[in-house]
Amino acid sequence: MTTFDDRKDAFEKKHAHDEELAFKATARRNKLLGLWVAEQLGLSGDQAETYAKDVVAADFEEAGDADVIRKVQADLKAKNIDISDHRLHAKLAELLEIAKKQIAG
């Protein structure tokens, strides 16, 4: 039974590690999205960093990306900036790949 238990423990540790990396990558992606949207809004420096943190925090409202998209769309619309949900989802996918690379290296 020891070999089975060792394999089970190793699998559980790997799963936990993978989940942690996925969480970090998503948070980094959201920050990158926040910085990109901040640029669209004309924010820079500390204002852009603060906005990016707000985007990261918005992701804790519900599972999935809908809360992040909803937050940035509301902010963009408030400034009469029209960026489609499709473009935002594409940007999220692009930024996730960048975030994964940043975390890995």
Protein backbone atom coordinates (compact mmCIF):
# COMPACT_ATOMS: atom_id res chain seq x y z
CA MET A 1 0.00 0.00 0.00
CA THR A 2 2.93 2.38 0.51
CA THR A 3 3.61 2.74 -3.23
CA PHE A 4 -0.02 3.53 -3.89
CA ASP A 5 -0.10 6.07 -1.05
CA ASP A 6 3.11 7.69 -2.31
CA ARG A 7 1.69 7.99 -5.83
CA LYS A 8 -1.56 9.38 -4.46
CA ASP A 9 0.31 11.98 -2.39
CA ALA A 10 2.48 12.94 -5.36
CA PHE A 11 -0.59 13.34 -7.56
CA GLU A 12 -2.34 15.48 -4.96
CA LYS A 13 0.74 17.70 -4.57
CA LYS A 14 1.05 18.09 -8.35
CA HIS A 15 -2.63 18.95 -8.63
CA ALA A 16 -2.33 21.56 -5.87
CA HIS A 17 0.76 23.02 -7.54
CA ASP A 18 -1.00 23.17 -10.92
CA GLU A 19 -4.01 24.88 -9.36
CA GLU A 20 -1.76 27.45 -7.68
CA LEU A 21 0.00 28.18 -10.98
CA ALA A 22 -3.35 28.54 -12.75
CA PHE A 23 -4.55 30.98 -10.07
CA LYS A 24 -1.35 33.03 -10.35
CA ALA A 25 -1.54 33.05 -14.15
CA THR A 26 -5.15 34.23 -14.08
CA ALA A 27 -4.36 36.98 -11.57
CA ARG A 28 -1.37 38.09 -13.67
CA ARG A 29 -3.51 38.00 -16.82
CA ASN A 30 -6.13 40.19 -15.14
CA LYS A 31 -3.48 42.66 -14.06
CA LEU A 32 -2.13 42.81 -17.61
CA LEU A 33 -5.69 43.35 -18.89
CA GLY A 34 -6.17 46.10 -16.31
CA LEU A 35 -3.00 47.84 -17.48
CA TRP A 36 -4.11 47.53 -21.12
CA VAL A 37 -7.58 48.91 -20.36
CA ALA A 38 -6.05 51.67 -18.23
CA GLU A 39 -4.06 52.71 -21.29
CA GLN A 40 -7.29 52.79 -23.33
CA LEU A 41 -8.81 54.98 -20.60
CA GLY A 42 -5.85 57.36 -20.66
CA LEU A 43 -4.54 56.33 -17.25
CA SER A 44 -0.85 55.97 -16.49
CA GLY A 45 1.55 55.51 -13.60
CA ASP A 46 -0.04 54.98 -10.20
CA GLN A 47 -3.55 55.43 -11.60
CA ALA A 48 -2.98 52.60 -14.08
CA GLU A 49 -1.55 50.34 -11.35
CA THR A 50 -4.51 51.06 -9.08
CA TYR A 51 -6.92 50.36 -11.90
CA ALA A 52 -5.16 47.07 -12.68
CA LYS A 53 -5.50 46.03 -9.03
CA ASP A 54 -9.23 46.84 -9.21
CA VAL A 55 -9.56 44.56 -12.25
CA VAL A 56 -7.80 41.75 -10.37
CA ALA A 57 -10.15 42.25 -7.41
CA ALA A 58 -13.19 42.18 -9.71
CA ASP A 59 -12.39 38.57 -10.61
CA PHE A 60 -13.31 37.42 -7.10
CA GLU A 61 -16.99 38.33 -7.54
CA GLU A 62 -17.94 35.13 -9.38
CA ALA A 63 -16.41 32.17 -11.18
CA GLY A 64 -15.25 32.72 -14.74
CA ASP A 65 -14.31 35.85 -16.62
CA ALA A 66 -17.74 37.49 -16.82
CA ASP A 67 -17.10 39.67 -13.77
CA VAL A 68 -13.84 40.99 -15.22
CA ILE A 69 -15.39 41.67 -18.63
CA ARG A 70 -18.37 43.38 -17.00
CA LYS A 71 -16.11 45.65 -14.91
CA VAL A 72 -13.87 46.78 -17.77
CA GLN A 73 -16.80 47.17 -20.18
CA ALA A 74 -18.58 49.45 -17.70
CA ASP A 75 -15.44 51.55 -17.30
CA LEU A 76 -14.85 51.73 -21.06
CA LYS A 77 -18.47 52.65 -21.75
CA ALA A 78 -18.32 55.38 -19.10
CA LYS A 79 -15.58 56.98 -21.22
CA ASN A 80 -17.43 56.29 -24.51
CA ILE A 81 -14.81 53.77 -25.62
CA ASP A 82 -16.29 50.94 -27.65
CA ILE A 83 -14.41 47.64 -27.38
CA SER A 84 -16.43 44.51 -28.07
CA ASP A 85 -16.73 41.62 -25.63
CA HIS A 86 -15.22 39.44 -28.37
CA ARG A 87 -12.12 41.63 -28.50
CA LEU A 88 -11.83 41.61 -24.71
CA HIS A 89 -12.08 37.81 -24.62
CA ALA A 90 -9.41 37.59 -27.34
CA LYS A 91 -7.21 39.96 -25.31
CA LEU A 92 -7.72 37.77 -22.23
CA ALA A 93 -6.58 34.70 -24.18
CA GLU A 94 -3.54 36.56 -25.51
CA LEU A 95 -2.62 37.89 -22.08
CA LEU A 96 -3.05 34.49 -20.43
CA GLU A 97 -0.29 33.09 -22.63
CA ILE A 98 1.96 36.02 -21.70
CA ALA A 99 1.14 35.59 -18.01
CA LYS A 100 1.97 31.88 -18.11
CA LYS A 101 5.35 32.64 -19.66
CA GLN A 102 6.06 35.32 -17.06
CA ILE A 103 5.23 32.98 -14.21
CA ALA A 104 7.20 30.07 -15.66
CA GLY A 105 10.31 32.10 -16.27
